Amino acid sequence: MGSEDLVCARCAGLVVEGRCPTCRASREYLRQNFFQMSPQVIVALIAIVMLLAVLAARHVS
């Protein structure tokens, strides 16, 4: 289920439609926080890429 399927408890409309002030505030909050990554996720992704690079280097030599 994605954020486009969320239903507002106040007006029973879809949050992405922004019918009431609560919907509009929730929609804006989701837009602002959707693309932000935590530092832990970034470090984990870097570690995975480094591990894959080491494994590839071992496989080549």
PDB file of N, CA and C in Angstrom:
ATOM      1  N   MET A   1       0.852  -1.173   0.000  1.00  0.00           N
ATOM      2  CA  MET A   1       0.000   0.000   0.000  1.00  0.00           C
ATOM      3  C   MET A   1       0.893   1.229   0.000  1.00  0.00           C
ATOM      4  N   GLY A   2       0.642   2.110  -0.917  1.00  0.00           N
ATOM      5  CA  GLY A   2       1.429   3.322  -1.021  1.00  0.00           C
ATOM      6  C   GLY A   2       0.744   4.497  -0.354  1.00  0.00           C
ATOM      7  N   SER A   3       1.438   5.623  -0.339  1.00  0.00           N
ATOM      8  CA  SER A   3       0.870   6.815   0.295  1.00  0.00           C
ATOM      9  C   SER A   3      -0.347   7.335  -0.459  1.00  0.00           C
ATOM     10  N   GLU A   4      -0.495   6.965  -1.739  1.00  0.00           N
ATOM     11  CA  GLU A   4      -1.666   7.413  -2.502  1.00  0.00           C
ATOM     12  C   GLU A   4      -2.940   6.701  -2.065  1.00  0.00           C
ATOM     13  N   ASP A   5      -2.823   5.645  -1.261  1.00  0.00           N
ATOM     14  CA  ASP A   5      -3.986   4.899  -0.791  1.00  0.00           C
ATOM     15  C   ASP A   5      -4.457   5.325   0.600  1.00  0.00           C
ATOM     16  N   LEU A   6      -3.752   6.258   1.235  1.00  0.00           N
ATOM     17  CA  LEU A   6      -4.113   6.670   2.590  1.00  0.00           C
ATOM     18  C   LEU A   6      -5.425   7.450   2.588  1.00  0.00           C
ATOM     19  N   VAL A   7      -6.278   7.147   3.578  1.00  0.00           N
ATOM     20  CA  VAL A   7      -7.578   7.799   3.706  1.00  0.00           C
ATOM     21  C   VAL A   7      -7.568   8.658   4.964  1.00  0.00           C
ATOM     22  N   CYS A   8      -8.063   9.871   4.842  1.00  0.00           N
ATOM     23  CA  CYS A   8      -8.110  10.812   5.959  1.00  0.00           C
ATOM     24  C   CYS A   8      -9.192  10.398   6.953  1.00  0.00           C
ATOM     25  N   ALA A   9      -8.869  10.439   8.230  1.00  0.00           N
ATOM     26  CA  ALA A   9      -9.843  10.100   9.266  1.00  0.00           C
ATOM     27  C   ALA A   9     -10.844  11.233   9.484  1.00  0.00           C
ATOM     28  N   ARG A  10     -10.497  12.435   9.066  1.00  0.00           N
ATOM     29  CA  ARG A  10     -11.376  13.581   9.287  1.00  0.00           C
ATOM     30  C   ARG A  10     -12.464  13.690   8.225  1.00  0.00           C
ATOM     31  N   CYS A  11     -12.076  13.575   6.938  1.00  0.00           N
ATOM     32  CA  CYS A  11     -13.058  13.793   5.872  1.00  0.00           C
ATOM     33  C   CYS A  11     -13.340  12.535   5.048  1.00  0.00           C
ATOM     34  N   ALA A  12     -12.648  11.442   5.331  1.00  0.00           N
ATOM     35  CA  ALA A  12     -12.806  10.157   4.634  1.00  0.00           C
ATOM     36  C   ALA A  12     -12.436  10.236   3.158  1.00  0.00           C
ATOM     37  N   GLY A  13     -11.676  11.258   2.783  1.00  0.00           N
ATOM     38  CA  GLY A  13     -11.189  11.367   1.407  1.00  0.00           C
ATOM     39  C   GLY A  13      -9.756  10.876   1.315  1.00  0.00           C
ATOM     40  N   LEU A  14      -9.289  10.714   0.101  1.00  0.00           N
ATOM     41  CA  LEU A  14      -7.898  10.324  -0.091  1.00  0.00           C
ATOM     42  C   LEU A  14      -6.983  11.481   0.310  1.00  0.00           C
ATOM     43  N   VAL A  15      -5.912  11.167   1.014  1.00  0.00           N
ATOM     44  CA  VAL A  15      -4.992  12.206   1.483  1.00  0.00           C
ATOM     45  C   VAL A  15      -4.360  12.939   0.301  1.00  0.00           C
ATOM     46  N   VAL A  16      -4.074  12.228  -0.785  1.00  0.00           N
ATOM     47  CA  VAL A  16      -3.436  12.871  -1.943  1.00  0.00           C
ATOM     48  C   VAL A  16      -4.341  13.906  -2.599  1.00  0.00           C
ATOM     49  N   GLU A  17      -5.644  13.821  -2.387  1.00  0.00           N
ATOM     50  CA  GLU A  17      -6.561  14.813  -2.947  1.00  0.00           C
ATOM     51  C   GLU A  17      -6.530  16.116  -2.166  1.00  0.00           C
ATOM     52  N   GLY A  18      -6.205  16.070  -0.867  1.00  0.00           N
ATOM     53  CA  GLY A  18      -6.097  17.274  -0.056  1.00  0.00           C
ATOM     54  C   GLY A  18      -7.404  18.005   0.143  1.00  0.00           C
ATOM     55  N   ARG A  19      -8.462  17.301   0.481  1.00  0.00           N
ATOM     56  CA  ARG A  19      -9.790  17.922   0.627  1.00  0.00           C
ATOM     57  C   ARG A  19      -9.887  18.849   1.830  1.00  0.00           C
ATOM     58  N   CYS A  20      -9.297  18.462   2.947  1.00  0.00           N
ATOM     59  CA  CYS A  20      -9.411  19.268   4.166  1.00  0.00           C
ATOM     60  C   CYS A  20      -8.012  19.706   4.621  1.00  0.00           C
ATOM     61  N   PRO A  21      -7.928  20.616   5.604  1.00  0.00           N
ATOM     62  CA  PRO A  21      -6.613  21.061   6.082  1.00  0.00           C
ATOM     63  C   PRO A  21      -5.753  19.919   6.624  1.00  0.00           C
ATOM     64  N   THR A  22      -6.380  18.931   7.239  1.00  0.00           N
ATOM     65  CA  THR A  22      -5.629  17.787   7.752  1.00  0.00           C
ATOM     66  C   THR A  22      -5.013  16.994   6.605  1.00  0.00           C
ATOM     67  N   CYS A  23      -5.780  16.784   5.552  1.00  0.00           N
ATOM     68  CA  CYS A  23      -5.263  16.087   4.359  1.00  0.00           C
ATOM     69  C   CYS A  23      -4.091  16.846   3.758  1.00  0.00           C
ATOM     70  N   ARG A  24      -4.247  18.149   3.617  1.00  0.00           N
ATOM     71  CA  ARG A  24      -3.189  18.945   2.997  1.00  0.00           C
ATOM     72  C   ARG A  24      -1.924  18.931   3.843  1.00  0.00           C
ATOM     73  N   ALA A  25      -2.070  19.003   5.162  1.00  0.00           N
ATOM     74  CA  ALA A  25      -0.899  18.959   6.042  1.00  0.00           C
ATOM     75  C   ALA A  25      -0.218  17.597   5.976  1.00  0.00           C
ATOM     76  N   SER A  26      -1.000  16.539   5.968  1.00  0.00           N
ATOM     77  CA  SER A  26      -0.426  15.195   5.877  1.00  0.00           C
ATOM     78  C   SER A  26       0.259  14.979   4.536  1.00  0.00           C
ATOM     79  N   ARG A  27      -0.351  15.466   3.481  1.00  0.00           N
ATOM     80  CA  ARG A  27       0.231  15.328   2.144  1.00  0.00           C
ATOM     81  C   ARG A  27       1.570  16.058   2.071  1.00  0.00           C
ATOM     82  N   GLU A  28       1.633  17.256   2.628  1.00  0.00           N
ATOM     83  CA  GLU A  28       2.882  18.017   2.617  1.00  0.00           C
ATOM     84  C   GLU A  28       3.951  17.329   3.465  1.00  0.00           C
ATOM     85  N   TYR A  29       3.550  16.779   4.606  1.00  0.00           N
ATOM     86  CA  TYR A  29       4.494  16.056   5.463  1.00  0.00           C
ATOM     87  C   TYR A  29       5.070  14.849   4.729  1.00  0.00           C
ATOM     88  N   LEU A  30       4.223  14.105   4.042  1.00  0.00           N
ATOM     89  CA  LEU A  30       4.690  12.935   3.295  1.00  0.00           C
ATOM     90  C   LEU A  30       5.644  13.347   2.179  1.00  0.00           C
ATOM     91  N   ARG A  31       5.357  14.438   1.506  1.00  0.00           N
ATOM     92  CA  ARG A  31       6.234  14.900   0.421  1.00  0.00           C
ATOM     93  C   ARG A  31       7.599  15.323   0.946  1.00  0.00           C
ATOM     94  N   GLN A  32       7.630  15.986   2.097  1.00  0.00           N
ATOM     95  CA  GLN A  32       8.894  16.459   2.654  1.00  0.00           C
ATOM     96  C   GLN A  32       9.740  15.313   3.185  1.00  0.00           C
ATOM     97  N   ASN A  33       9.120  14.307   3.768  1.00  0.00           N
ATOM     98  CA  ASN A  33       9.866  13.250   4.441  1.00  0.00           C
ATOM     99  C   ASN A  33      10.038  11.989   3.615  1.00  0.00           C
ATOM    100  N   PHE A  34       9.480  11.944   2.422  1.00  0.00           N
ATOM    101  CA  PHE A  34       9.550  10.722   1.625  1.00  0.00           C
ATOM    102  C   PHE A  34      10.957  10.454   1.118  1.00  0.00           C
ATOM    103  N   PHE A  35      11.673  11.489   0.685  1.00  0.00           N
ATOM    104  CA  PHE A  35      12.970  11.291   0.059  1.00  0.00           C
ATOM    105  C   PHE A  35      14.141  11.442   1.016  1.00  0.00           C
ATOM    106  N   GLN A  36      13.891  11.729   2.263  1.00  0.00           N
ATOM    107  CA  GLN A  36      14.978  11.866   3.213  1.00  0.00           C
ATOM    108  C   GLN A  36      15.410  10.495   3.703  1.00  0.00           C
ATOM    109  N   MET A  37      16.716  10.260   3.673  1.00  0.00           N
ATOM    110  CA  MET A  37      17.259   8.997   4.166  1.00  0.00           C
ATOM    111  C   MET A  37      17.979   9.252   5.481  1.00  0.00           C
ATOM    112  N   SER A  38      17.883   8.296   6.372  1.00  0.00           N
ATOM    113  CA  SER A  38      18.591   8.423   7.629  1.00  0.00           C
ATOM    114  C   SER A  38      20.071   8.138   7.397  1.00  0.00           C
ATOM    115  N   PRO A  39      20.932   8.680   8.230  1.00  0.00           N
ATOM    116  CA  PRO A  39      22.366   8.418   8.081  1.00  0.00           C
ATOM    117  C   PRO A  39      22.708   6.931   8.188  1.00  0.00           C
ATOM    118  N   GLN A  40      21.953   6.187   8.985  1.00  0.00           N
ATOM    119  CA  GLN A  40      22.209   4.758   9.121  1.00  0.00           C
ATOM    120  C   GLN A  40      21.993   4.031   7.798  1.00  0.00           C
ATOM    121  N   VAL A  41      20.975   4.417   7.055  1.00  0.00           N
ATOM    122  CA  VAL A  41      20.698   3.783   5.763  1.00  0.00           C
ATOM    123  C   VAL A  41      21.810   4.109   4.771  1.00  0.00           C
ATOM    124  N   ILE A  42      22.267   5.341   4.775  1.00  0.00           N
ATOM    125  CA  ILE A  42      23.341   5.738   3.864  1.00  0.00           C
ATOM    126  C   ILE A  42      24.620   4.967   4.177  1.00  0.00           C
ATOM    127  N   VAL A  43      24.974   4.840   5.455  1.00  0.00           N
ATOM    128  CA  VAL A  43      26.167   4.085   5.848  1.00  0.00           C
ATOM    129  C   VAL A  43      26.019   2.621   5.459  1.00  0.00           C
ATOM    130  N   ALA A  44      24.852   2.053   5.653  1.00  0.00           N
ATOM    131  CA  ALA A  44      24.627   0.653   5.283  1.00  0.00           C
ATOM    132  C   ALA A  44      24.772   0.458   3.776  1.00  0.00           C
ATOM    133  N   LEU A  45      24.246   1.373   2.980  1.00  0.00           N
ATOM    134  CA  LEU A  45      24.384   1.273   1.527  1.00  0.00           C
ATOM    135  C   LEU A  45      25.843   1.377   1.091  1.00  0.00           C
ATOM    136  N   ILE A  46      26.590   2.275   1.707  1.00  0.00           N
ATOM    137  CA  ILE A  46      28.017   2.406   1.385  1.00  0.00           C
ATOM    138  C   ILE A  46      28.760   1.129   1.753  1.00  0.00           C
ATOM    139  N   ALA A  47      28.437   0.548   2.912  1.00  0.00           N
ATOM    140  CA  ALA A  47      29.089  -0.696   3.330  1.00  0.00           C
ATOM    141  C   ALA A  47      28.783  -1.833   2.361  1.00  0.00           C
ATOM    142  N   ILE A  48      27.570  -1.913   1.890  1.00  0.00           N
ATOM    143  CA  ILE A  48      27.197  -2.969   0.939  1.00  0.00           C
ATOM    144  C   ILE A  48      27.945  -2.791  -0.376  1.00  0.00           C
ATOM    145  N   VAL A  49      28.036  -1.562  -0.855  1.00  0.00           N
ATOM    146  CA  VAL A  49      28.761  -1.301  -2.105  1.00  0.00           C
ATOM    147  C   VAL A  49      30.238  -1.647  -1.945  1.00  0.00           C
ATOM    148  N   MET A  50      30.826  -1.295  -0.804  1.00  0.00           N
ATOM    149  CA  MET A  50      32.232  -1.626  -0.566  1.00  0.00           C
ATOM    150  C   MET A  50      32.439  -3.134  -0.505  1.00  0.00           C
ATOM    151  N   LEU A  51      31.535  -3.847   0.136  1.00  0.00           N
ATOM    152  CA  LEU A  51      31.629  -5.302   0.215  1.00  0.00           C
ATOM    153  C   LEU A  51      31.546  -5.925  -1.171  1.00  0.00           C
ATOM    154  N   LEU A  52      30.636  -5.446  -1.979  1.00  0.00           N
ATOM    155  CA  LEU A  52      30.519  -5.962  -3.345  1.00  0.00           C
ATOM    156  C   LEU A  52      31.775  -5.666  -4.164  1.00  0.00           C
ATOM    157  N   ALA A  53      32.382  -4.508  -3.956  1.00  0.00           N
ATOM    158  CA  ALA A  53      33.614  -4.167  -4.671  1.00  0.00           C
ATOM    159  C   ALA A  53      34.752  -5.088  -4.260  1.00  0.00           C
ATOM    160  N   VAL A  54      34.857  -5.396  -2.974  1.00  0.00           N
ATOM    161  CA  VAL A  54      35.899  -6.315  -2.494  1.00  0.00           C
ATOM    162  C   VAL A  54      35.677  -7.704  -3.062  1.00  0.00           C
ATOM    163  N   LEU A  55      34.455  -8.173  -3.055  1.00  0.00           N
ATOM    164  CA  LEU A  55      34.163  -9.497  -3.607  1.00  0.00           C
ATOM    165  C   LEU A  55      34.459  -9.548  -5.107  1.00  0.00           C
ATOM    166  N   ALA A  56      34.149  -8.490  -5.818  1.00  0.00           N
ATOM    167  CA  ALA A  56      34.435  -8.450  -7.253  1.00  0.00           C
ATOM    168  C   ALA A  56      35.939  -8.437  -7.505  1.00  0.00           C
ATOM    169  N   ALA A  57      36.695  -7.712  -6.686  1.00  0.00           N
ATOM    170  CA  ALA A  57      38.150  -7.664  -6.844  1.00  0.00           C
ATOM    171  C   ALA A  57      38.769  -9.030  -6.571  1.00  0.00           C
ATOM    172  N   ARG A  58      38.265  -9.752  -5.580  1.00  0.00           N
ATOM    173  CA  ARG A  58      38.764 -11.105  -5.291  1.00  0.00           C
ATOM    174  C   ARG A  58      38.452 -12.054  -6.434  1.00  0.00           C
ATOM    175  N   HIS A  59      37.303 -11.896  -7.010  1.00  0.00           N
ATOM    176  CA  HIS A  59      36.891 -12.793  -8.090  1.00  0.00           C
ATOM    177  C   HIS A  59      37.736 -12.575  -9.348  1.00  0.00           C
ATOM    178  N   VAL A  60      38.126 -11.330  -9.603  1.00  0.00           N
ATOM    179  CA  VAL A  60      38.910 -11.003 -10.792  1.00  0.00           C
ATOM    180  C   VAL A  60      40.339 -11.529 -10.664  1.00  0.00           C
ATOM    181  N   SER A  61      40.933 -11.408  -9.482  1.00  0.00           N
ATOM    182  CA  SER A  61      42.339 -11.814  -9.331  1.00  0.00           C
ATOM    183  C   SER A  61      42.530 -13.253  -8.949  1.00  0.00           C
TER     184      SER A  61
END
